[in-house]
Protein backbone atom coordinates (compact mmCIF):
# COMPACT_ATOMS: atom_id res chain seq x y z
CA PRO A 1 0.00 0.00 0.00
CA ALA A 2 1.01 3.62 -0.51
CA GLN A 3 2.41 5.56 2.42
CA LEU A 4 0.18 8.12 4.03
CA THR A 5 1.21 11.76 3.73
CA THR A 6 -0.43 14.38 5.88
CA VAL A 7 -1.97 17.46 4.37
CA GLY A 8 0.45 19.61 6.37
CA LYS A 9 3.49 17.87 4.94
CA ARG A 10 2.14 18.21 1.41
CA ALA A 11 1.48 21.90 2.00
CA CYS A 12 5.01 22.41 3.37
CA LEU A 13 6.57 20.67 0.39
CA TRP A 14 4.43 22.70 -2.01
CA LEU A 15 5.37 25.95 -0.25
CA GLN A 16 9.05 25.00 -0.29
CA ASP A 17 8.89 24.48 -4.05
CA LEU A 18 7.04 27.76 -4.46
CA VAL A 19 9.63 29.69 -2.43
CA MET A 20 12.48 28.13 -4.40
CA ASP A 21 10.78 29.05 -7.67
CA MET A 22 10.23 32.63 -6.49
CA ARG A 23 13.90 32.93 -5.51
CA ASN A 24 14.98 31.60 -8.90
CA LEU A 25 12.71 34.08 -10.69
CA GLN A 26 14.03 36.98 -8.61
CA ARG A 27 17.64 35.96 -9.27
CA ALA A 28 16.99 35.65 -13.00
CA ARG A 29 15.25 39.03 -13.04
CA ASP A 30 18.12 40.70 -11.17
CA ASP A 31 20.72 39.20 -13.51
CA LEU A 32 18.83 40.03 -16.72
CA ARG A 33 20.65 42.62 -18.80
CA PHE A 34 18.93 44.64 -21.46
CA ARG A 35 20.78 45.51 -24.63
CA GLY A 36 18.69 48.53 -25.47
CA VAL A 37 15.70 49.11 -27.66
CA LYS A 38 15.93 49.67 -31.38
CA GLY A 39 13.36 50.05 -34.11
CA THR A 40 12.89 47.81 -37.12
CA THR A 41 15.70 49.52 -39.04
CA GLY A 42 18.19 49.20 -36.19
CA THR A 43 17.97 52.82 -35.07
CA GLN A 44 16.17 54.52 -32.22
CA ALA A 45 14.54 57.10 -34.50
CA SER A 46 11.05 55.64 -34.22
CA PHE A 47 11.25 55.61 -30.42
CA LEU A 48 12.58 59.17 -30.29
CA GLN A 49 9.63 60.25 -32.39
CA LEU A 50 7.24 58.33 -30.15
CA PHE A 51 8.65 59.98 -26.99
CA GLN A 52 8.99 63.46 -28.55
CA GLY A 53 12.79 63.30 -28.59
CA ASP A 54 13.16 62.55 -24.87
CA HIS A 55 16.33 60.42 -24.64
CA GLU A 56 15.73 59.63 -20.95
CA LYS A 57 12.64 57.54 -21.67
């Protein structure tokens, strides 16, 4: 027969997996580097027009 597992133990194991997944997502998000945004032609001209020439955006 299968071994009995309490609801509390299952909940703890599920929460442990959830916490580990959240930590992995946070680490991946912190380490993600953006290379910049460019338009279809490889320039930022379309974005400068969209943001009225504001380079900070």
